[in-house]
Amino acid sequence: MIEPGKLFQLEGGQKRRKLALTYGALERDIQGIAEKGTEYSFTNMPRSEYIKQITRILLKDPKLPESAAAELKVLMSREPFELQDELRLCNCARNHLLKIIGTFPAEWDLVIAPHNSTDENGLVRKRDFFPGVCVYAEDIRSPFNIGSIFRTAEAMGAEKVLISLHCIDPTQPRAIRSGMGCIETMGWEQLSLEEIRSKEEYKDLPVFALETGGTDINDFVFPEKGICIIGSEELGVSPEALHCADYGRVTIPMKGLKASLNVGVAFGILMQKWIESISN
């Protein structure tokens, strides 16, 4: 954290960037997930007052739109000024700053409070999942997409994420941030299509593909256990993977002119249908 007086002395672009970083650090501090060394540490003023002081600096920025300034003033004036008010003021101020700077946050830059994954004794909770429900991510290139796939798989109760040999590394920093802790929580394994059919734990599972030209997702009979193959952003499921999908092909019907869904979004739709089928 930097003292308000020092922030005020900075010039235009440098001041905006430093303010944006400061608001981001404050959001994490409020959420209880501050990175080491970035915790709020000023003893001469409460954090709430510090937030208001640096916001007064932002309000003097000539590039801040009047509508944004009005919103920030309303947020500052709330009484009592509680924890959620601190968080909302920081978040709105940071995003207005990013808009002025011309840098928009990717999802992995957004502050999301972690769900409680420990029990009353501080031990990591055992993850609940549907045994035998797996996804095979074939040649996914984007760290954002692989993180999104892990988040959906974890949230919907998949047992494991399998990735192809040429898939983006899930431990890549942007994938980790996009996955919001799910990559570390989920079981995952990298293996070839041939290994799906040869490894003892997978060889008897039905394999199906999410791809165009198959059975409407509303009519598809989902297996209780199985492996769903989802293809790359550019090429979709490969011919070799389609050949491996002995249980069939499932398709999401679309009406749009482009008829195109992001792979993470498509996988989310599929998982909802699959888990709904298992649960009924």
Protein backbone atom coordinates (compact mmCIF):
# COMPACT_ATOMS: atom_id res chain seq x y z
CA MET A 1 0.00 0.00 0.00
CA ILE A 2 1.12 3.54 -0.69
CA GLU A 3 0.28 6.60 1.38
CA PRO A 4 -2.47 8.83 -0.08
CA GLY A 5 -0.14 11.84 -0.08
CA LYS A 6 2.38 10.00 -2.26
CA LEU A 7 -0.37 8.80 -4.59
CA PHE A 8 -1.58 12.37 -5.00
CA GLN A 9 1.89 13.51 -6.10
CA LEU A 10 2.12 11.00 -8.95
CA GLU A 11 1.38 12.12 -12.50
CA GLY A 12 -1.51 11.08 -14.81
CA GLY A 13 -0.92 7.61 -16.20
CA GLN A 14 1.40 6.50 -13.42
CA LYS A 15 -1.11 7.64 -10.80
CA ARG A 16 -3.96 5.76 -12.52
CA ARG A 17 -2.00 2.53 -12.78
CA LYS A 18 -0.88 2.72 -9.14
CA LEU A 19 -4.42 3.46 -8.00
CA ALA A 20 -5.79 0.52 -9.97
CA LEU A 21 -3.23 -1.82 -8.40
CA THR A 22 -3.96 -0.41 -4.95
CA TYR A 23 -7.71 -0.94 -5.33
CA GLY A 24 -7.08 -4.51 -6.46
CA ALA A 25 -4.89 -5.19 -3.42
CA LEU A 26 -7.53 -3.66 -1.15
CA GLU A 27 -10.23 -5.89 -2.63
CA ARG A 28 -8.15 -8.95 -1.86
CA ASP A 29 -7.45 -7.68 1.64
CA ILE A 30 -11.17 -7.15 2.25
CA GLN A 31 -11.90 -10.66 0.98
CA GLY A 32 -9.27 -12.13 3.27
CA ILE A 33 -7.16 -13.41 0.36
CA ALA A 34 -4.42 -10.77 0.26
CA GLU A 35 -1.13 -11.90 -1.22
CA LYS A 36 1.76 -11.91 1.22
CA GLY A 37 3.17 -8.41 1.66
CA THR A 38 0.10 -6.63 0.22
CA GLU A 39 -2.07 -6.67 3.34
CA TYR A 40 -3.44 -3.34 4.59
CA SER A 41 -0.94 -2.23 7.22
CA PHE A 42 -1.46 1.48 7.99
CA THR A 43 -2.04 1.85 11.73
CA ASN A 44 -2.80 5.56 11.65
CA MET A 45 -6.12 5.22 9.84
CA PRO A 46 -8.83 2.56 9.36
CA ARG A 47 -8.88 0.82 6.00
CA SER A 48 -12.30 2.33 5.25
CA GLU A 49 -10.91 5.85 5.62
CA TYR A 50 -7.89 4.99 3.45
CA ILE A 51 -10.26 3.79 0.70
CA LYS A 52 -12.20 7.03 0.87
CA GLN A 53 -9.02 9.12 0.76
CA ILE A 54 -7.64 7.46 -2.35
CA THR A 55 -11.09 7.69 -3.97
CA ARG A 56 -11.04 11.45 -3.40
CA ILE A 57 -7.78 11.45 -5.38
CA LEU A 58 -9.49 9.54 -8.19
CA LEU A 59 -12.40 11.99 -8.20
CA LYS A 60 -9.96 14.75 -9.19
CA ASP A 61 -8.96 12.87 -12.35
CA PRO A 62 -10.08 14.99 -15.35
CA LYS A 63 -10.67 11.85 -17.42
CA LEU A 64 -13.13 10.32 -14.95
CA PRO A 65 -16.63 10.58 -16.51
CA GLU A 66 -19.24 12.53 -14.54
CA SER A 67 -21.47 9.48 -14.29
CA ALA A 68 -18.61 7.45 -12.78
CA ALA A 69 -17.79 10.23 -10.33
CA ALA A 70 -21.43 10.40 -9.26
CA GLU A 71 -21.52 6.66 -8.65
CA LEU A 72 -18.36 6.76 -6.55
CA LYS A 73 -19.66 9.68 -4.47
CA VAL A 74 -22.85 7.77 -3.67
CA LEU A 75 -20.84 4.70 -2.64
CA MET A 76 -18.56 6.84 -0.43
CA SER A 77 -21.49 8.47 1.35
CA ARG A 78 -23.10 5.29 2.63
CA GLU A 79 -23.58 5.16 6.38
CA PRO A 80 -22.75 2.95 8.07
CA PHE A 81 -19.84 2.23 5.72
CA GLU A 82 -19.57 -1.53 6.09
CA LEU A 83 -17.33 -4.25 4.68
CA GLN A 84 -19.41 -4.78 1.55
CA ASP A 85 -19.44 -1.01 0.98
CA GLU A 86 -15.63 -1.00 1.09
CA LEU A 87 -15.52 -3.84 -1.42
CA ARG A 88 -18.05 -2.30 -3.81
CA LEU A 89 -16.34 1.09 -3.75
CA CYS A 90 -12.93 -0.47 -4.48
CA ASN A 91 -14.32 -2.67 -7.25
CA CYS A 92 -16.21 0.15 -9.00
CA ALA A 93 -13.26 2.55 -8.70
CA ARG A 94 -10.82 -0.02 -10.09
CA ASN A 95 -13.01 -0.84 -13.07
CA HIS A 96 -13.58 2.83 -13.88
CA LEU A 97 -9.81 3.31 -13.78
CA LEU A 98 -9.20 0.34 -16.07
CA LYS A 99 -11.67 1.80 -18.53
CA ILE A 100 -9.80 5.12 -18.55
CA ILE A 101 -6.46 3.34 -18.94
CA GLY A 102 -7.88 1.20 -21.75
CA THR A 103 -7.09 -2.11 -20.07
CA PHE A 104 -10.00 -4.42 -19.39
CA PRO A 105 -9.69 -7.31 -16.95
CA ALA A 106 -9.72 -10.91 -18.09
CA GLU A 107 -11.71 -13.23 -15.84
CA TRP A 108 -8.56 -14.47 -14.11
CA ASP A 109 -7.93 -10.89 -12.96
CA LEU A 110 -11.29 -10.58 -11.23
CA VAL A 111 -11.45 -10.87 -7.46
CA ILE A 112 -13.56 -13.86 -6.50
CA ALA A 113 -13.74 -14.95 -2.88
CA PRO A 114 -12.82 -18.60 -2.46
CA HIS A 115 -15.49 -20.99 -1.22
CA ASN A 116 -14.81 -22.62 2.11
CA SER A 117 -12.98 -25.86 1.37
CA THR A 118 -12.06 -26.74 4.95
CA ASP A 119 -14.08 -28.14 7.82
CA GLU A 120 -14.40 -26.83 11.37
CA ASN A 121 -11.04 -28.40 12.24
CA GLY A 122 -9.23 -26.70 9.35
CA LEU A 123 -8.92 -29.93 7.38
CA VAL A 124 -9.57 -29.96 3.64
CA ARG A 125 -13.05 -31.26 2.95
CA LYS A 126 -13.45 -34.39 0.86
CA ARG A 127 -14.73 -33.43 -2.58
CA ASP A 128 -18.10 -34.85 -3.56
CA PHE A 129 -18.42 -36.07 -7.16
CA PHE A 130 -20.17 -38.54 -9.45
CA PRO A 131 -17.85 -41.56 -9.79
CA GLY A 132 -16.86 -42.34 -13.35
CA VAL A 133 -17.97 -38.98 -14.79
CA CYS A 134 -14.97 -37.65 -16.74
CA VAL A 135 -14.17 -35.14 -19.46
CA TYR A 136 -11.37 -35.45 -22.02
CA ALA A 137 -10.15 -32.04 -23.19
CA GLU A 138 -8.54 -32.53 -26.60
CA ASP A 139 -5.96 -29.94 -27.63
CA ILE A 140 -7.49 -26.98 -25.78
CA ARG A 141 -5.13 -24.05 -26.46
CA SER A 142 -6.43 -21.23 -24.25
CA PRO A 143 -5.47 -21.09 -20.56
CA PHE A 144 -8.77 -19.30 -19.92
CA ASN A 145 -10.73 -22.14 -21.51
CA ILE A 146 -8.92 -24.94 -19.69
CA GLY A 147 -9.42 -23.10 -16.40
CA SER A 148 -13.10 -22.66 -17.21
CA ILE A 149 -13.43 -26.38 -18.01
CA PHE A 150 -11.88 -27.31 -14.67
CA ARG A 151 -14.19 -24.91 -12.82
CA THR A 152 -17.28 -26.35 -14.49
CA ALA A 153 -16.13 -29.94 -14.00
CA GLU A 154 -15.48 -29.32 -10.30
CA ALA A 155 -18.72 -27.42 -9.74
CA MET A 156 -20.89 -30.01 -11.48
CA GLY A 157 -19.32 -33.01 -9.79
CA ALA A 158 -17.12 -34.62 -12.44
CA GLU A 159 -14.63 -37.06 -10.98
CA LYS A 160 -11.69 -36.23 -13.20
CA VAL A 161 -10.48 -34.05 -16.08
CA LEU A 162 -8.37 -35.84 -18.66
CA ILE A 163 -6.29 -33.81 -21.10
CA SER A 164 -4.64 -34.69 -24.38
CA LEU A 165 -0.91 -34.67 -24.93
CA HIS A 166 -1.05 -31.34 -26.80
CA CYS A 167 -3.50 -29.56 -24.51
CA ILE A 168 -2.41 -26.35 -22.75
CA ASP A 169 -0.70 -27.13 -19.44
CA PRO A 170 -3.28 -26.64 -16.63
CA THR A 171 -0.48 -25.50 -14.33
CA GLN A 172 0.23 -22.51 -16.60
CA PRO A 173 -0.23 -19.39 -14.39
CA ARG A 174 -3.18 -17.96 -16.33
CA ALA A 175 -4.90 -21.34 -16.32
CA ILE A 176 -4.39 -21.57 -12.56
CA ARG A 177 -5.88 -18.12 -12.04
CA SER A 178 -8.77 -18.80 -14.38
CA GLY A 179 -9.43 -22.12 -12.63
CA MET A 180 -9.91 -20.32 -9.29
CA GLY A 181 -8.47 -23.17 -7.23
CA CYS A 182 -10.25 -25.98 -9.08
CA ILE A 183 -7.18 -27.22 -10.94
CA GLU A 184 -5.48 -27.87 -7.62
CA THR A 185 -8.64 -29.55 -6.27
CA MET A 186 -9.69 -31.69 -9.23
CA GLY A 187 -8.02 -34.93 -10.15
CA TRP A 188 -6.56 -34.72 -13.65
CA GLU A 189 -4.36 -36.76 -15.92
CA GLN A 190 -2.65 -36.27 -19.27
CA LEU A 191 -2.97 -39.18 -21.67
CA SER A 192 -3.45 -40.10 -25.32
CA LEU A 193 -6.64 -41.35 -26.95
CA GLU A 194 -5.08 -44.81 -27.11
CA GLU A 195 -4.55 -44.78 -23.35
CA ILE A 196 -8.24 -44.05 -22.78
CA ARG A 197 -8.95 -47.44 -24.30
CA SER A 198 -6.01 -49.28 -22.73
CA LYS A 199 -5.82 -48.07 -19.13
CA GLU A 200 -7.68 -50.31 -16.71
CA GLU A 201 -9.68 -47.54 -15.02
CA TYR A 202 -11.00 -46.10 -18.31
CA LYS A 203 -11.19 -48.94 -20.84
CA ASP A 204 -14.73 -50.02 -19.88
CA LEU A 205 -16.22 -46.52 -19.67
CA PRO A 206 -18.52 -45.35 -22.49
CA VAL A 207 -16.90 -42.59 -24.55
CA PHE A 208 -18.93 -39.93 -26.35
CA ALA A 209 -18.10 -36.65 -28.09
CA LEU A 210 -19.59 -33.18 -27.91
CA GLU A 211 -19.63 -32.15 -31.56
CA THR A 212 -21.94 -30.97 -34.34
CA GLY A 213 -23.84 -33.52 -36.43
CA GLY A 214 -24.83 -35.77 -33.55
CA THR A 215 -27.92 -36.53 -31.44
CA ASP A 216 -29.75 -33.50 -30.06
CA ILE A 217 -28.70 -32.99 -26.44
CA ASN A 218 -32.36 -33.06 -25.44
CA ASP A 219 -32.72 -36.58 -26.88
CA PHE A 220 -29.31 -37.99 -26.05
CA VAL A 221 -29.32 -40.80 -23.47
CA PHE A 222 -26.42 -39.98 -21.18
CA PRO A 223 -24.54 -42.85 -19.52
CA GLU A 224 -24.30 -42.97 -15.73
CA LYS A 225 -20.53 -43.16 -16.10
CA GLY A 226 -18.41 -42.20 -19.07
CA ILE A 227 -15.91 -39.92 -20.75
CA CYS A 228 -17.06 -36.93 -22.78
CA ILE A 229 -14.58 -35.65 -25.37
CA ILE A 230 -14.56 -31.92 -26.06
CA GLY A 231 -12.47 -30.61 -28.92
CA SER A 232 -10.17 -27.68 -29.56
CA GLU A 233 -11.37 -24.11 -30.03
CA GLU A 234 -10.33 -24.06 -33.70
CA LEU A 235 -10.85 -27.57 -35.06
CA GLY A 236 -13.32 -29.23 -32.72
CA VAL A 237 -13.11 -32.95 -31.97
CA SER A 238 -10.56 -34.72 -34.18
CA PRO A 239 -11.54 -37.61 -36.50
CA GLU A 240 -9.46 -39.93 -34.32
CA ALA A 241 -11.35 -38.85 -31.21
CA LEU A 242 -14.70 -39.24 -32.98
CA HIS A 243 -13.67 -42.77 -33.90
CA CYS A 244 -12.84 -43.39 -30.25
CA ALA A 245 -16.31 -42.17 -29.20
CA ASP A 246 -18.06 -45.53 -29.37
CA TYR A 247 -21.06 -44.32 -27.36
CA GLY A 248 -21.93 -41.66 -29.93
CA ARG A 249 -22.00 -37.95 -30.53
CA VAL A 250 -24.10 -35.33 -28.74
CA THR A 251 -24.94 -31.93 -30.24
CA ILE A 252 -26.25 -28.69 -28.77
CA PRO A 253 -28.97 -27.28 -31.08
CA MET A 254 -28.42 -23.62 -32.06
CA LYS A 255 -30.44 -21.09 -34.06
CA GLY A 256 -27.95 -18.26 -34.53
CA LEU A 257 -26.37 -17.36 -37.85
CA LYS A 258 -22.92 -18.17 -36.49
CA ALA A 259 -24.09 -21.24 -34.55
CA SER A 260 -20.90 -21.07 -32.52
CA LEU A 261 -20.33 -21.53 -28.79
CA ASN A 262 -17.20 -21.05 -26.73
CA VAL A 263 -15.89 -24.49 -25.73
CA GLY A 264 -16.17 -23.71 -22.02
CA VAL A 265 -19.78 -22.55 -22.41
CA ALA A 266 -20.68 -25.61 -24.50
CA PHE A 267 -19.13 -27.89 -21.89
CA GLY A 268 -21.15 -26.16 -19.16
CA ILE A 269 -24.39 -26.81 -21.04
CA LEU A 270 -23.43 -30.45 -21.55
CA MET A 271 -22.48 -31.01 -17.90
CA GLN A 272 -25.78 -29.57 -16.68
CA LYS A 273 -27.69 -31.97 -18.92
CA TRP A 274 -25.50 -34.94 -18.01
CA ILE A 275 -25.73 -34.42 -14.25
CA GLU A 276 -29.45 -33.73 -14.52
CA SER A 277 -29.84 -37.08 -16.29
CA ILE A 278 -27.81 -38.94 -13.64
CA SER A 279 -29.67 -37.28 -10.77
CA ASN A 280 -33.18 -38.08 -12.04
